[in-house]
Amino acid sequence: VRKEPRSCRNAPKTFSPAAVRSETTKEKSFSVGVVDACNSTITASSGASCLRHAADAVPLNHSRMPRTKQTQPGKKITTAPATTSAIKKGAAGKKGAKKQTVSLTEARPRVFSVGGDLQPKRDLTRFVKWPRYIRVQRQRRILLKRLKVPPVINQFTKTLDKNAATLLFKLLHSHRPETPAQKKARLLAAAQDKAGGQGETKKPNVVKYGLKHITGLVEQKKAKLVVIAHDVEPIELVMWLPTLCRKKGIPYVIVKGKARLGQVVGKKTASALAFVNVDTKDKTDFANLVQIATDSYLNAYEKTMKTRGGLVMGGKHLARQAKKARLVRKAEAPK
């Protein structure tokens, strides 16, 4: 591209209407060299006058446009053809483009070292240091499984089934002992009846509790049914009671557990309870319970006293024994 002479660059930008019309006709002949009417470029040619080029470059609104590269007249402005791979990449970029989100805070990963972030919540049961009484009762439970348990102690593992126990506790709660307020009101009413010349009122039928009291009732054969808790501690307190009941011919049952028996009589725990009399409306249910107790405990006493407990090994011990047995069979097998 040839530079314009300095005299032409400094020439005044003037044009006449006739010049504009002539230049408009010339524009149509080489319009291929003009890209946009608003952003028209200055076309340079050797031998053309400076005034004509100035008239071509200045739009009709008399605004000065920035200079661009000049091209020779008659030549087309061509762009490089886009390749197929570039088109595919552009399409894939548009489809797979993700919106970029601007975060106002800096991302900081958590650090779980000492003095760092809090650990996530997990099940820490295996890492808990349980209280001593819990550890002792668990160890005791395991020892009772592993060791050879004598029949006198093993009999307390055979408790009454759920249906019979439900019926039993229903009767127990309907024969709960009187509270001090109830007993006071009953005695006051009995005193007033006696003063009025009326007959004496009978005492209500309630269950008896207290180990010494129950022992005396069993020895006197006044008890009709004895209920013993299976988890008395120490077990020696009631270990002899089933034998005494069998000797006196009184039915007995073993139930879970001492806390439930304690709720009946308003105590924390109770080792044993005893029925002496029951209400008339409950005699049928009570007779069914007595029959169950006779068949399951009283008549099965001889068999119970020959059944030992325990000797239940853990999973690791059983796996070792099975492995030893396989090795022995393999060694004894003929080659």
Protein backbone atom coordinates (compact mmCIF):
# COMPACT_ATOMS: atom_id res chain seq x y z
CA VAL A 1 0.00 0.00 0.00
CA ARG A 2 1.46 3.35 -0.99
CA LYS A 3 1.33 6.23 1.45
CA GLU A 4 -0.42 9.38 0.48
CA PRO A 5 1.65 12.46 -0.23
CA ARG A 6 2.02 14.91 2.61
CA SER A 7 0.31 17.58 0.54
CA CYS A 8 -2.73 15.36 0.12
CA ARG A 9 -2.88 14.53 3.83
CA ASN A 10 -2.96 18.18 4.70
CA ALA A 11 -5.49 19.07 1.99
CA PRO A 12 -8.82 20.47 3.13
CA LYS A 13 -11.71 18.00 3.22
CA THR A 14 -14.20 19.72 0.86
CA PHE A 15 -16.54 18.26 -1.75
CA SER A 16 -19.36 19.41 -4.00
CA PRO A 17 -22.79 17.76 -4.58
CA ALA A 18 -21.71 16.85 -8.13
CA ALA A 19 -18.64 15.09 -6.81
CA VAL A 20 -20.78 13.16 -4.37
CA ARG A 21 -23.07 11.98 -7.16
CA SER A 22 -20.14 10.90 -9.36
CA GLU A 23 -18.53 9.06 -6.49
CA THR A 24 -21.81 7.27 -5.69
CA THR A 25 -21.93 5.82 -9.21
CA LYS A 26 -18.31 4.72 -8.92
CA GLU A 27 -19.08 3.01 -5.56
CA LYS A 28 -21.52 0.67 -7.28
CA SER A 29 -18.84 -0.52 -9.73
CA PHE A 30 -16.40 -1.72 -7.06
CA SER A 31 -18.78 -2.35 -4.12
CA VAL A 32 -17.02 -5.66 -3.47
CA GLY A 33 -14.20 -3.72 -1.85
CA VAL A 34 -16.49 -2.01 0.66
CA VAL A 35 -17.36 -4.11 3.75
CA ASP A 36 -19.86 -1.86 5.45
CA ALA A 37 -21.51 1.37 4.40
CA CYS A 38 -21.22 2.83 7.89
CA ASN A 39 -17.60 1.75 8.36
CA SER A 40 -16.35 2.41 4.82
CA THR A 41 -12.62 2.33 4.28
CA ILE A 42 -10.41 4.58 2.26
CA THR A 43 -9.54 2.89 -1.07
CA ALA A 44 -6.25 3.97 -2.51
CA SER A 45 -5.17 3.76 -6.12
CA SER A 46 -2.14 5.04 -7.91
CA GLY A 47 -2.84 8.11 -9.98
CA ALA A 48 -6.10 9.16 -8.16
CA SER A 49 -6.41 12.66 -6.78
CA CYS A 50 -6.24 13.42 -3.06
CA LEU A 51 -9.56 15.26 -3.08
CA ARG A 52 -11.40 12.24 -4.55
CA HIS A 53 -9.95 9.92 -1.92
CA ALA A 54 -10.86 12.37 0.78
CA ALA A 55 -14.45 12.56 -0.48
CA ASP A 56 -14.68 8.73 -0.47
CA ALA A 57 -13.38 8.47 3.10
CA VAL A 58 -15.66 11.08 4.66
CA PRO A 59 -19.24 9.90 5.32
CA LEU A 60 -22.20 12.10 4.68
CA ASN A 61 -22.58 12.92 8.35
CA HIS A 62 -19.17 14.65 8.25
CA SER A 63 -17.66 12.39 11.01
CA ARG A 64 -14.01 11.40 10.89
CA MET A 65 -13.54 7.61 10.82
CA PRO A 66 -10.38 5.83 12.02
CA ARG A 67 -7.86 4.83 9.39
CA THR A 68 -7.77 1.20 8.32
CA LYS A 69 -5.65 -0.84 5.94
CA GLN A 70 -6.13 0.21 2.35
CA THR A 71 -6.76 -2.32 -0.39
CA GLN A 72 -6.40 -2.11 -4.12
CA PRO A 73 -9.59 -1.64 -6.10
CA GLY A 74 -11.03 -4.73 -7.68
CA LYS A 75 -9.68 -7.11 -5.00
CA LYS A 76 -12.11 -8.99 -2.65
CA ILE A 77 -11.59 -9.07 1.08
CA THR A 78 -11.55 -12.75 1.92
CA THR A 79 -11.29 -14.50 5.25
CA ALA A 80 -9.65 -17.85 5.97
CA PRO A 81 -12.17 -20.69 5.71
CA ALA A 82 -12.99 -22.39 9.00
CA THR A 83 -11.87 -26.01 9.18
CA THR A 84 -14.23 -28.86 10.11
CA SER A 85 -12.36 -29.65 13.31
CA ALA A 86 -12.58 -26.03 14.43
CA ILE A 87 -16.34 -26.01 13.80
CA LYS A 88 -16.77 -29.24 15.81
CA LYS A 89 -14.67 -27.91 18.67
CA GLY A 90 -16.68 -24.70 18.75
CA ALA A 91 -19.99 -26.59 18.82
CA ALA A 92 -18.75 -28.93 21.52
CA GLY A 93 -17.47 -26.00 23.54
CA LYS A 94 -20.86 -24.32 23.41
CA LYS A 95 -22.72 -27.47 24.48
CA GLY A 96 -20.34 -28.49 27.26
CA ALA A 97 -19.69 -25.00 28.53
CA LYS A 98 -20.53 -24.61 32.21
CA LYS A 99 -21.61 -21.43 33.85
CA GLN A 100 -18.81 -20.04 35.93
CA THR A 101 -20.02 -18.97 39.34
CA VAL A 102 -18.23 -16.24 41.15
CA SER A 103 -17.66 -17.08 44.83
CA LEU A 104 -17.26 -14.26 47.31
CA THR A 105 -15.37 -16.47 49.76
CA GLU A 106 -12.23 -18.46 49.24
CA ALA A 107 -12.66 -22.26 49.26
CA ARG A 108 -10.75 -23.77 52.18
CA PRO A 109 -10.72 -27.59 52.58
CA ARG A 110 -11.30 -28.99 56.06
CA VAL A 111 -8.37 -30.19 58.13
CA PHE A 112 -9.19 -32.83 60.75
CA SER A 113 -5.83 -32.77 62.52
CA VAL A 114 -5.39 -31.80 66.17
CA GLY A 115 -6.81 -28.34 66.72
CA GLY A 116 -8.51 -28.34 63.33
CA ASP A 117 -12.08 -28.89 62.21
CA LEU A 118 -14.57 -31.07 64.06
CA GLN A 119 -14.80 -34.70 63.04
CA PRO A 120 -18.01 -35.82 61.28
CA LYS A 121 -20.60 -37.64 63.37
CA ARG A 122 -20.02 -41.39 63.48
CA ASP A 123 -21.13 -44.40 65.51
CA LEU A 124 -18.63 -44.41 68.40
CA THR A 125 -20.14 -47.34 70.32
CA ARG A 126 -16.93 -49.35 70.11
CA PHE A 127 -14.90 -46.47 71.54
CA VAL A 128 -17.17 -45.71 74.51
CA LYS A 129 -15.85 -46.53 77.96
CA TRP A 130 -18.98 -47.93 79.54
CA PRO A 131 -19.66 -47.64 83.27
CA ARG A 132 -18.36 -50.40 85.48
CA TYR A 133 -21.76 -51.91 86.27
CA ILE A 134 -22.48 -52.31 82.54
CA ARG A 135 -19.12 -53.97 81.91
CA VAL A 136 -19.67 -56.32 84.85
CA GLN A 137 -23.13 -57.40 83.76
CA ARG A 138 -21.92 -58.04 80.21
CA GLN A 139 -18.94 -60.07 81.41
CA ARG A 140 -21.19 -61.98 83.75
CA ARG A 141 -23.55 -62.80 80.90
CA ILE A 142 -20.66 -64.11 78.80
CA LEU A 143 -19.26 -66.17 81.69
CA LEU A 144 -22.65 -67.79 82.26
CA LYS A 145 -22.58 -68.87 78.62
CA ARG A 146 -18.99 -70.16 78.62
CA LEU A 147 -18.80 -71.93 81.99
CA LYS A 148 -20.62 -75.07 83.04
CA VAL A 149 -23.60 -73.77 85.02
CA PRO A 150 -25.15 -76.09 87.64
CA PRO A 151 -28.87 -76.97 87.31
CA VAL A 152 -29.88 -75.04 90.45
CA ILE A 153 -28.74 -71.80 88.84
CA ASN A 154 -29.58 -72.76 85.26
CA GLN A 155 -33.29 -73.17 86.11
CA PHE A 156 -33.66 -69.37 86.32
CA THR A 157 -32.98 -69.08 82.59
CA LYS A 158 -36.30 -70.83 81.81
CA THR A 159 -38.88 -68.09 82.27
CA LEU A 160 -42.61 -67.97 81.66
CA ASP A 161 -43.73 -67.40 78.04
CA LYS A 162 -45.11 -64.05 76.92
CA ASN A 163 -48.83 -64.90 76.80
CA ALA A 164 -48.88 -66.48 80.24
CA ALA A 165 -46.75 -63.64 81.65
CA THR A 166 -49.22 -61.06 80.29
CA LEU A 167 -52.10 -62.81 82.03
CA LEU A 168 -50.09 -63.14 85.23
CA PHE A 169 -49.19 -59.45 85.44
CA LYS A 170 -52.78 -58.52 84.70
CA LEU A 171 -53.83 -60.45 87.82
CA LEU A 172 -50.95 -59.03 89.84
CA HIS A 173 -51.92 -55.43 89.04
CA SER A 174 -55.57 -56.11 89.89
CA HIS A 175 -54.43 -57.38 93.34
CA ARG A 176 -51.95 -54.64 94.19
CA PRO A 177 -51.36 -53.92 97.89
CA GLU A 178 -53.08 -50.94 99.48
CA THR A 179 -51.36 -47.62 99.77
CA PRO A 180 -51.12 -46.07 103.25
CA ALA A 181 -53.92 -43.61 102.39
CA GLN A 182 -56.21 -46.41 101.16
CA LYS A 183 -55.53 -48.52 104.22
CA LYS A 184 -56.24 -45.56 106.54
CA ALA A 185 -59.55 -44.85 104.81
CA ARG A 186 -60.55 -48.52 104.98
CA LEU A 187 -59.75 -48.80 108.70
CA LEU A 188 -61.63 -45.57 109.44
CA ALA A 189 -64.70 -46.85 107.59
CA ALA A 190 -64.46 -50.19 109.41
CA ALA A 191 -64.32 -48.40 112.79
CA GLN A 192 -67.40 -46.34 111.94
CA ASP A 193 -69.30 -49.46 110.82
CA LYS A 194 -68.36 -51.25 114.03
CA ALA A 195 -69.54 -48.27 116.11
CA GLY A 196 -72.82 -48.25 114.19
CA GLY A 197 -73.40 -51.90 114.94
CA GLN A 198 -72.74 -53.12 111.40
CA GLY A 199 -70.70 -56.20 110.51
CA GLU A 200 -66.94 -56.08 109.99
CA THR A 201 -65.60 -55.44 106.46
CA LYS A 202 -63.26 -57.99 104.94
CA LYS A 203 -59.73 -57.17 103.91
CA PRO A 204 -59.11 -56.91 100.15
CA ASN A 205 -57.30 -59.76 98.42
CA VAL A 206 -53.78 -58.55 97.62
CA VAL A 207 -50.47 -60.14 96.71
CA LYS A 208 -47.88 -60.66 99.41
CA TYR A 209 -44.26 -59.56 99.08
CA GLY A 210 -41.13 -59.78 101.14
CA LEU A 211 -38.87 -62.84 101.09
CA LYS A 212 -39.34 -63.72 104.75
CA HIS A 213 -43.08 -63.27 104.53
CA ILE A 214 -43.35 -65.48 101.44
CA THR A 215 -41.14 -68.16 103.03
CA GLY A 216 -43.49 -68.32 106.00
CA LEU A 217 -46.55 -68.55 103.73
CA VAL A 218 -44.97 -71.40 101.75
CA GLU A 219 -44.00 -73.31 104.90
CA GLN A 220 -47.53 -72.89 106.26
CA LYS A 221 -48.94 -73.90 102.84
CA LYS A 222 -51.05 -70.74 102.67
CA ALA A 223 -49.59 -69.55 99.39
CA LYS A 224 -51.52 -70.59 96.26
CA LEU A 225 -48.95 -69.44 93.67
CA VAL A 226 -45.41 -68.10 94.06
CA VAL A 227 -43.85 -65.75 91.49
CA ILE A 228 -40.01 -65.60 91.48
CA ALA A 229 -37.82 -63.08 89.58
CA HIS A 230 -35.12 -64.53 87.33
CA ASP A 231 -32.49 -61.80 87.85
CA VAL A 232 -32.14 -61.57 91.62
CA GLU A 233 -28.67 -60.53 92.70
CA PRO A 234 -27.15 -62.41 94.45
CA ILE A 235 -28.94 -65.49 93.15
CA GLU A 236 -28.45 -67.31 96.48
CA LEU A 237 -31.34 -65.31 97.94
CA VAL A 238 -33.95 -67.27 95.96
CA MET A 239 -31.95 -70.27 94.74
CA TRP A 240 -33.57 -72.55 97.35
CA LEU A 241 -37.15 -71.29 96.91
CA PRO A 242 -38.18 -73.58 93.98
CA THR A 243 -37.02 -76.61 95.98
CA LEU A 244 -39.06 -75.51 99.00
CA CYS A 245 -42.15 -74.95 96.84
CA ARG A 246 -41.82 -78.43 95.34
CA LYS A 247 -41.41 -79.97 98.78
CA LYS A 248 -44.62 -78.26 100.00
CA GLY A 249 -46.45 -78.90 96.71
CA ILE A 250 -47.05 -75.23 95.91
CA PRO A 251 -46.96 -74.14 92.22
CA TYR A 252 -44.34 -71.55 91.30
CA VAL A 253 -43.27 -69.67 88.18
CA ILE A 254 -40.11 -67.77 87.19
CA VAL A 255 -40.64 -64.47 85.32
CA LYS A 256 -38.69 -61.49 84.02
CA GLY A 257 -37.78 -59.59 86.08
CA LYS A 258 -37.42 -58.12 89.55
CA ALA A 259 -38.13 -54.52 88.43
CA ARG A 260 -41.54 -55.48 87.01
CA LEU A 261 -42.43 -57.26 90.24
CA GLY A 262 -41.33 -54.16 92.15
CA GLN A 263 -43.75 -51.99 90.15
CA VAL A 264 -46.65 -54.15 91.34
CA VAL A 265 -45.96 -53.52 95.02
CA GLY A 266 -44.66 -49.95 94.72
CA LYS A 267 -40.97 -50.77 95.20
CA LYS A 268 -37.89 -50.51 93.03
CA THR A 269 -37.46 -54.28 92.91
CA ALA A 270 -39.06 -57.36 94.40
CA SER A 271 -37.49 -60.84 94.56
CA ALA A 272 -40.74 -62.78 94.86
CA LEU A 273 -44.52 -62.37 95.21
CA ALA A 274 -47.23 -64.77 96.38
CA PHE A 275 -50.99 -65.15 95.86
CA VAL A 276 -52.98 -66.19 98.93
CA ASN A 277 -56.52 -65.41 97.77
CA VAL A 278 -57.98 -63.95 94.56
CA ASP A 279 -61.22 -62.21 93.74
CA THR A 280 -64.17 -64.24 92.51
CA LYS A 281 -64.09 -62.63 89.05
CA ASP A 282 -60.45 -63.71 88.53
CA LYS A 283 -60.70 -67.33 89.71
CA THR A 284 -60.89 -68.78 86.18
CA ASP A 285 -57.74 -66.99 84.98
CA PHE A 286 -55.96 -67.85 88.19
CA ALA A 287 -56.82 -71.55 87.79
CA ASN A 288 -55.33 -71.48 84.26
CA LEU A 289 -52.13 -69.95 85.60
CA VAL A 290 -51.88 -72.54 88.35
CA GLN A 291 -52.22 -75.30 85.78
CA ILE A 292 -49.48 -73.78 83.59
CA ALA A 293 -47.19 -73.45 86.62
CA THR A 294 -47.80 -77.04 87.65
CA ASP A 295 -47.05 -78.46 84.20
CA SER A 296 -44.07 -76.24 83.31
CA TYR A 297 -42.27 -76.05 86.67
CA LEU A 298 -43.60 -78.26 89.43
CA ASN A 299 -43.90 -81.49 87.43
CA ALA A 300 -40.74 -80.77 85.41
CA TYR A 301 -38.58 -80.25 88.50
CA GLU A 302 -36.77 -83.60 88.21
CA LYS A 303 -35.79 -82.95 84.60
CA THR A 304 -34.76 -79.38 85.40
CA MET A 305 -32.41 -80.52 88.14
CA LYS A 306 -30.53 -82.72 85.63
CA THR A 307 -30.06 -80.03 82.97
CA ARG A 308 -26.83 -78.08 83.08
CA GLY A 309 -26.27 -74.78 81.37
CA GLY A 310 -23.44 -72.91 79.71
CA LEU A 311 -20.68 -74.41 77.56
CA VAL A 312 -21.67 -72.14 74.67
CA MET A 313 -18.46 -71.01 73.00
CA GLY A 314 -17.91 -67.90 70.95
CA GLY A 315 -17.54 -67.60 67.20
CA LYS A 316 -13.72 -67.39 67.20
CA HIS A 317 -13.37 -70.52 69.34
CA LEU A 318 -15.74 -72.46 67.09
CA ALA A 319 -13.80 -71.35 64.00
CA ARG A 320 -10.51 -72.53 65.53
CA GLN A 321 -12.02 -75.89 66.46
CA ALA A 322 -13.39 -76.34 62.94
CA LYS A 323 -9.99 -75.52 61.46
CA LYS A 324 -8.28 -78.08 63.71
CA ALA A 325 -10.85 -80.70 62.76
CA ARG A 326 -10.23 -80.08 59.05
CA LEU A 327 -6.47 -80.45 59.51
CA VAL A 328 -6.94 -83.71 61.41
CA ARG A 329 -9.20 -85.13 58.71
CA LYS A 330 -6.74 -84.05 56.04
CA ALA A 331 -3.83 -85.75 57.87
CA GLU A 332 -5.75 -88.97 58.43
CA ALA A 333 -7.04 -89.17 54.86
CA PRO A 334 -5.32 -91.90 52.76
CA LYS A 335 -2.89 -90.57 50.17
